[in-house]
Protein backbone atom coordinates (compact mmCIF):
# COMPACT_ATOMS: atom_id res chain seq x y z
CA MET A 1 -22.07 1.53 -8.13
CA ASN A 2 -22.23 5.45 -9.38
CA LEU A 3 -21.84 7.73 -6.28
CA LYS A 4 -25.24 9.86 -7.86
CA LEU A 5 -27.70 10.67 -6.01
CA SER A 6 -30.70 11.69 -7.17
CA LYS A 7 -32.96 14.96 -6.17
CA ASN A 8 -35.79 11.63 -5.36
CA GLU A 9 -33.36 9.42 -4.09
CA ILE A 10 -32.93 12.29 -1.32
CA PHE A 11 -35.98 12.84 -0.61
CA VAL A 12 -36.75 9.66 0.11
CA LEU A 13 -33.77 9.85 2.73
CA GLU A 14 -35.43 13.38 4.32
CA LYS A 15 -38.41 12.07 4.72
CA LEU A 16 -36.64 8.65 6.80
CA CYS A 17 -34.46 11.00 9.03
CA SER A 18 -37.80 11.33 11.12
CA ASN A 19 -39.54 8.36 10.33
CA GLU A 20 -40.10 4.16 9.06
CA TYR A 21 -42.57 4.28 6.18
CA SER A 22 -43.47 1.46 3.16
CA VAL A 23 -43.01 1.89 0.39
CA GLY A 24 -47.27 2.92 0.00
CA GLU A 25 -46.39 5.22 2.57
CA LEU A 26 -43.39 6.65 1.28
CA ALA A 27 -45.40 7.19 -2.53
CA ARG A 28 -48.31 9.35 -0.93
CA GLU A 29 -45.29 11.20 1.30
CA LEU A 30 -43.77 12.04 -1.70
CA GLU A 31 -46.52 12.01 -4.38
CA MET A 32 -44.95 9.49 -6.69
CA LYS A 33 -46.32 6.30 -8.22
CA GLY A 34 -45.39 3.21 -5.71
CA SER A 35 -43.30 1.38 -8.56
CA TYR A 36 -41.22 4.68 -9.07
CA VAL A 37 -40.92 5.35 -5.09
CA SER A 38 -39.65 1.55 -5.14
CA ARG A 39 -36.94 1.96 -7.73
CA LEU A 40 -35.50 4.97 -5.65
CA VAL A 41 -35.62 2.57 -2.76
CA LYS A 42 -34.08 -0.69 -4.36
CA THR A 43 -30.97 1.94 -5.21
CA LEU A 44 -30.69 2.76 -1.67
CA GLU A 45 -30.68 -0.18 -0.35
CA GLU A 46 -27.89 -1.18 -2.68
CA LYS A 47 -25.69 1.68 -1.49
CA GLY A 48 -26.85 0.44 1.61
CA LEU A 49 -28.83 3.93 3.37
CA VAL A 50 -31.79 2.36 3.82
CA TYR A 51 -33.08 -1.61 4.89
CA HIS A 52 -36.34 -3.09 4.99
CA THR A 53 -37.29 -3.60 8.97
CA GLU A 54 -38.87 -6.35 10.42
CA LYS A 55 -42.33 -4.68 10.38
CA ARG A 56 -41.87 -4.35 6.41
CA LYS A 57 -41.28 -1.06 6.56
CA MET A 58 -38.05 1.13 5.09
CA ALA A 59 -35.62 3.37 7.43
CA LEU A 60 -32.33 4.85 7.43
CA SER A 61 -29.53 2.46 7.90
CA PRO A 62 -27.78 2.48 10.99
CA ALA A 63 -24.38 2.90 8.61
CA SER A 64 -22.15 5.68 9.05
CA HIS A 65 -23.24 6.85 5.81
CA ALA A 66 -26.73 7.06 6.26
CA GLN A 67 -26.42 8.32 10.08
CA SER A 68 -24.04 10.96 8.47
CA PHE A 69 -26.52 11.99 5.99
CA LYS A 70 -29.16 12.02 8.88
CA ARG A 71 -26.90 15.10 10.87
CA LEU A 72 -26.04 16.74 7.57
CA TYR A 73 -29.99 17.04 6.60
CA PHE A 74 -31.18 18.02 10.29
CA SER A 75 -27.90 20.85 10.66
CA ARG A 76 -29.65 22.36 7.51
CA PRO A 77 -33.35 21.64 8.06
CA GLN A 78 -34.18 24.79 5.52
CA ALA A 79 -31.35 24.61 3.39
CA ARG A 80 -33.03 22.47 -0.13
CA ILE A 81 -30.25 19.90 0.42
CA GLU A 82 -31.31 18.08 -2.39
CA GLU A 83 -31.25 20.82 -4.67
CA TRP A 84 -27.17 21.21 -4.48
CA LEU A 85 -26.58 18.38 -3.50
CA CYS A 86 -28.03 15.52 -6.12
CA GLY A 87 -26.31 14.74 -9.41
CA TYR A 88 -22.50 14.74 -9.13
CA SER A 89 -21.63 17.26 -6.82
CA THR A 90 -21.42 13.68 -3.77
CA GLY A 91 -18.56 12.57 -6.55
CA VAL A 92 -16.87 15.85 -6.45
CA LEU A 93 -16.96 16.51 -2.51
CA ALA A 94 -15.54 12.83 -2.31
CA ILE A 95 -12.75 13.84 -4.00
CA LEU A 96 -12.15 17.20 -1.97
CA THR A 97 -12.50 15.28 1.49
CA THR A 98 -9.08 13.67 1.10
CA TRP A 99 -7.02 17.30 1.71
CA GLN A 100 -8.06 19.69 4.85
CA GLU A 101 -6.17 22.35 3.57
CA GLY A 102 -7.84 22.17 -0.08
CA ALA A 103 -7.28 19.87 -3.45
CA PRO A 104 -4.31 21.01 -6.13
CA MET A 105 -6.19 21.64 -8.72
CA ASP A 106 -4.22 19.52 -11.27
CA ILE A 107 -5.63 16.65 -9.43
CA PHE A 108 -8.83 18.01 -8.81
CA TRP A 109 -9.25 17.99 -12.63
CA GLU A 110 -7.77 15.38 -13.45
CA GLU A 111 -10.62 13.33 -11.33
CA THR A 112 -13.43 15.23 -11.38
CA PRO A 113 -16.50 12.91 -12.83
CA CYS A 114 -17.60 14.85 -15.54
CA SER A 115 -16.73 17.59 -17.77
CA LYS A 116 -15.38 20.70 -17.16
CA PRO A 117 -18.85 22.69 -17.62
CA THR A 118 -20.70 20.46 -15.31
CA THR A 119 -18.06 20.58 -12.67
CA TYR A 120 -18.34 24.70 -12.85
CA LYS A 121 -22.16 24.03 -12.31
CA VAL A 122 -21.63 21.79 -9.65
CA LEU A 123 -19.02 24.10 -7.79
CA ASN A 124 -21.11 27.25 -8.11
CA ARG A 125 -24.21 25.46 -6.57
CA LEU A 126 -22.07 24.41 -3.48
CA MET A 127 -20.40 27.64 -3.34
CA ASP A 128 -24.18 28.95 -3.39
CA ALA A 129 -24.87 26.75 -0.42
CA GLY A 130 -22.23 27.63 1.45
CA VAL A 131 -19.74 24.09 2.20
CA LEU A 132 -17.26 25.29 -0.81
CA ILE A 133 -14.42 27.74 -0.65
CA LYS A 134 -12.45 27.94 -4.00
CA ASN A 135 -9.38 30.33 -4.35
CA GLU A 136 -5.91 28.91 -5.43
CA LYS A 137 -7.51 25.68 -4.31
CA ILE A 138 -11.07 23.93 -3.48
CA ARG A 139 -11.53 22.75 0.26
CA ILE A 140 -15.09 21.86 1.96
CA SER A 141 -15.39 24.57 4.51
CA ASP A 142 -19.08 22.53 6.41
CA LYS A 143 -17.22 19.43 8.19
CA THR A 144 -21.08 17.95 8.32
CA VAL A 145 -20.89 17.68 4.85
CA GLU A 146 -16.72 16.75 4.37
CA GLU A 147 -18.29 13.87 7.07
CA PHE A 148 -21.52 12.77 5.39
CA ALA A 149 -19.14 12.59 2.33
CA SER A 150 -16.22 10.54 3.30
CA ASP A 151 -18.71 8.11 5.01
CA TYR A 152 -20.38 7.73 1.81
CA VAL A 153 -17.65 7.66 -0.36
CA SER A 154 -15.92 4.87 1.78
CA ASN A 155 -19.02 2.58 2.42
CA LEU A 156 -19.66 2.43 -1.46
CA LEU A 157 -16.10 1.05 -2.07
CA ARG A 158 -16.26 -1.20 1.36
CA ILE A 159 -19.93 -2.65 -0.59
CA ALA A 160 -18.20 -2.83 -4.19
CA THR A 161 -15.14 -5.48 -2.55
CA SER A 162 -17.25 -7.23 -0.72
CA LYS A 163 -18.42 -8.78 -4.39
CA ILE A 164 -14.64 -10.24 -4.60
CA GLN A 165 -14.09 -13.64 -2.57
CA GLY A 166 -11.47 -13.82 -0.82
CA MET A 167 -10.19 -10.20 -0.93
CA LYS A 168 -7.39 -10.07 1.27
CA THR A 169 -6.03 -6.06 1.42
CA SER A 170 -7.45 -2.59 -0.72
CA ILE A 171 -6.40 0.71 0.10
CA GLY A 172 -9.17 4.03 -1.80
CA VAL A 173 -7.35 7.35 -2.99
CA ARG A 174 -10.50 9.39 -3.39
CA LEU A 175 -12.53 7.63 -6.17
CA HIS A 176 -10.43 4.71 -6.98
CA VAL A 177 -9.60 1.16 -5.48
CA VAL A 178 -6.86 -1.45 -5.79
CA VAL A 179 -7.61 -4.50 -4.47
CA ARG A 180 -5.33 -7.25 -3.83
CA ALA A 181 -7.06 -10.59 -3.80
CA HIS A 182 -6.83 -14.37 -3.54
CA THR A 183 -9.28 -14.76 -6.20
CA ASN A 184 -8.64 -14.81 -10.29
CA GLU A 185 -12.35 -14.27 -10.62
CA ALA A 186 -14.05 -10.80 -10.06
CA PRO A 187 -17.06 -9.05 -11.46
CA GLN A 188 -16.45 -7.10 -14.46
CA GLU A 189 -16.75 -3.88 -13.25
CA PHE A 190 -12.42 -4.71 -11.53
CA VAL A 191 -9.87 -4.87 -14.12
CA GLN A 192 -6.54 -6.37 -13.86
CA THR A 193 -3.68 -3.93 -12.53
CA GLY A 194 -0.62 -3.76 -11.06
CA MET A 195 1.37 -6.94 -10.71
CA THR A 196 -1.20 -8.91 -12.57
CA ALA A 197 -1.05 -6.37 -15.23
CA LEU A 198 2.50 -6.18 -15.45
CA VAL A 199 3.37 -9.58 -16.41
CA GLU A 200 1.87 -9.03 -19.56
CA TYR A 201 4.39 -6.27 -20.06
CA GLY A 202 7.16 -8.43 -19.44
CA LEU A 203 7.09 -8.72 -15.43
CA GLU A 204 9.64 -11.53 -14.16
CA ALA A 205 8.10 -12.66 -10.93
CA MET A 206 6.61 -16.49 -9.72
CA GLN A 207 2.78 -16.58 -10.22
CA THR A 208 0.86 -16.74 -6.75
CA SER A 209 -2.74 -17.15 -6.21
CA ASN A 210 -2.28 -13.12 -5.48
CA ASN A 211 -4.41 -11.10 -8.47
CA PHE A 212 -4.61 -6.77 -8.69
CA TYR A 213 -7.63 -5.76 -9.27
CA TYR A 214 -8.66 -1.68 -9.87
CA TYR A 215 -12.30 -0.77 -9.52
CA THR A 216 -13.67 1.56 -12.54
CA ASN A 217 -17.31 2.04 -11.63
CA LEU A 218 -17.16 4.53 -8.62
CA SER A 219 -16.13 7.64 -10.54
CA GLY A 220 -17.94 6.30 -14.10
CA LYS A 221 -14.86 6.02 -16.24
CA GLN A 222 -14.75 2.87 -17.32
CA ARG A 223 -11.02 2.18 -19.07
CA LYS A 224 -8.47 -0.23 -19.10
CA ILE A 225 -5.42 0.30 -16.50
CA GLY A 226 -2.62 1.17 -18.82
CA VAL A 227 1.80 -0.27 -18.01
CA ASP A 228 2.56 3.34 -16.52
CA GLU A 229 -0.64 3.38 -13.91
CA ALA A 230 -0.67 -0.89 -13.29
CA PHE A 231 3.20 0.07 -11.63
CA ILE A 232 2.04 2.85 -9.82
CA HIS A 233 -1.00 0.97 -8.25
CA ALA A 234 1.31 -2.32 -7.40
CA LEU A 235 3.83 0.23 -5.55
CA LEU A 236 0.73 1.72 -3.55
CA MET A 237 -0.26 -1.81 -2.97
CA THR A 238 3.12 -2.75 -2.07
CA THR A 239 4.31 0.71 0.32
CA LEU A 240 1.56 -1.10 2.52
CA GLU A 241 2.61 -4.60 2.80
CA GLN A 242 5.54 -4.27 3.62
CA ASN A 243 7.32 -3.01 0.42
CA GLN A 244 7.73 -7.57 -0.47
CA ASP A 245 7.20 -6.71 -3.97
CA LYS A 246 9.56 -3.59 -4.52
CA GLN A 247 12.63 -5.18 -5.84
CA VAL A 248 10.73 -6.28 -8.55
CA LEU A 249 9.06 -3.61 -9.32
CA ALA A 250 12.63 -1.87 -8.99
CA LEU A 251 13.94 -4.53 -11.28
CA PHE A 252 10.56 -4.07 -14.16
CA LEU A 253 11.37 0.10 -13.86
CA MET A 254 15.05 -0.68 -14.68
CA LYS A 255 14.26 -3.25 -17.87
CA ASN A 256 11.30 -1.71 -19.09
CA LYS A 257 11.80 2.23 -18.11
CA SER A 258 12.20 3.29 -22.03
CA LYS A 259 8.87 1.86 -22.67
CA MET A 260 7.06 3.66 -20.00
CA ASN A 261 6.42 7.94 -20.33
CA ILE A 262 8.37 9.28 -17.10
CA ALA A 263 6.61 12.36 -16.78
CA ASN A 264 3.15 10.28 -16.14
CA LEU A 265 4.30 7.81 -13.74
CA ARG A 266 5.69 11.05 -11.64
CA GLU A 267 2.05 13.03 -12.11
CA LEU A 268 0.56 9.02 -11.08
CA ALA A 269 2.59 8.61 -8.18
CA LYS A 270 1.48 12.36 -7.25
CA GLN A 271 -1.96 11.52 -7.32
CA TYR A 272 -1.50 8.16 -5.07
CA ALA A 273 0.89 9.65 -2.93
CA VAL A 274 3.73 7.25 -3.44
CA GLU A 275 5.86 10.08 -5.27
CA GLY A 276 8.66 9.90 -1.96
CA GLU A 277 8.60 5.88 -2.92
CA LEU A 278 8.92 6.44 -7.06
CA ALA A 279 11.70 9.13 -6.10
CA THR A 280 13.63 6.80 -3.97
CA MET A 281 13.27 3.91 -6.69
CA ARG A 282 14.58 6.20 -9.47
CA ASP A 283 17.49 7.19 -7.17
CA ALA A 284 18.51 4.06 -6.48
CA LEU A 285 18.17 2.78 -10.23
CA ASP A 286 20.28 5.68 -11.49
CA TYR A 287 23.08 4.95 -8.52
CA VAL A 288 23.63 1.78 -10.04
CA GLU A 289 23.71 1.85 -13.65
CA LYS A 290 26.21 4.77 -12.74
CA ALA A 291 28.22 2.37 -10.31
CA VAL A 292 28.22 -0.54 -13.46
């Protein structure tokens, strides 16, 4: 489920902010073909932004991201928001919602969902619209825009993870989502990570019915998870769940640190905000090694 919204999808949302329409009525209002509008509506439905009413008309969803879009639209009635909110803008904004004081540039450039030239175009478009400020850091300056971006990514993550049966825990970090679920089946856009993936690298732990997955589609960068990132995902999840796997992870790190990239581990720990947990674990292991 991609974060991007096209201009025409935004046009549909803008119309639905004020009224309910059938697909045919929307097509006439927007001067577009009915079949094309039908496809736009289907995509917006999948993202939870619109729904069919009992009168067989389309309406804006009561979900938080649809309602925050409505507030954004009415807060800037003459701003042509479709011009600067379309394309990769929603992905860029989603990254920036994490930091009130602005995003660290190294993490921002690592996680931006598009190429650097495209990202610069998006940033310039958003700054020209008055919703971003860029100096040493980049931050969203419009609270209504920030609210929509945050609600939008949260709801898309909720919809995506709802496809996994027996889900127990999920955590979203900007465009990343890690899931711990009581199932060994997941849609193809979820790849194994965490404790599940570390077993392939020699993790010595009793197998349970729990499996860890990473959702690849939100950033548009589908990829295999390496040992370093799988380890950080496991550390992130166990930190949220009473540290139940921390001893096993410490043992894995002690036995495999020669095979792992410590600098990369530190960078990943920073991205996932578990650098303190990683540092504490490494200090404890260093102490044990010196004491033996």
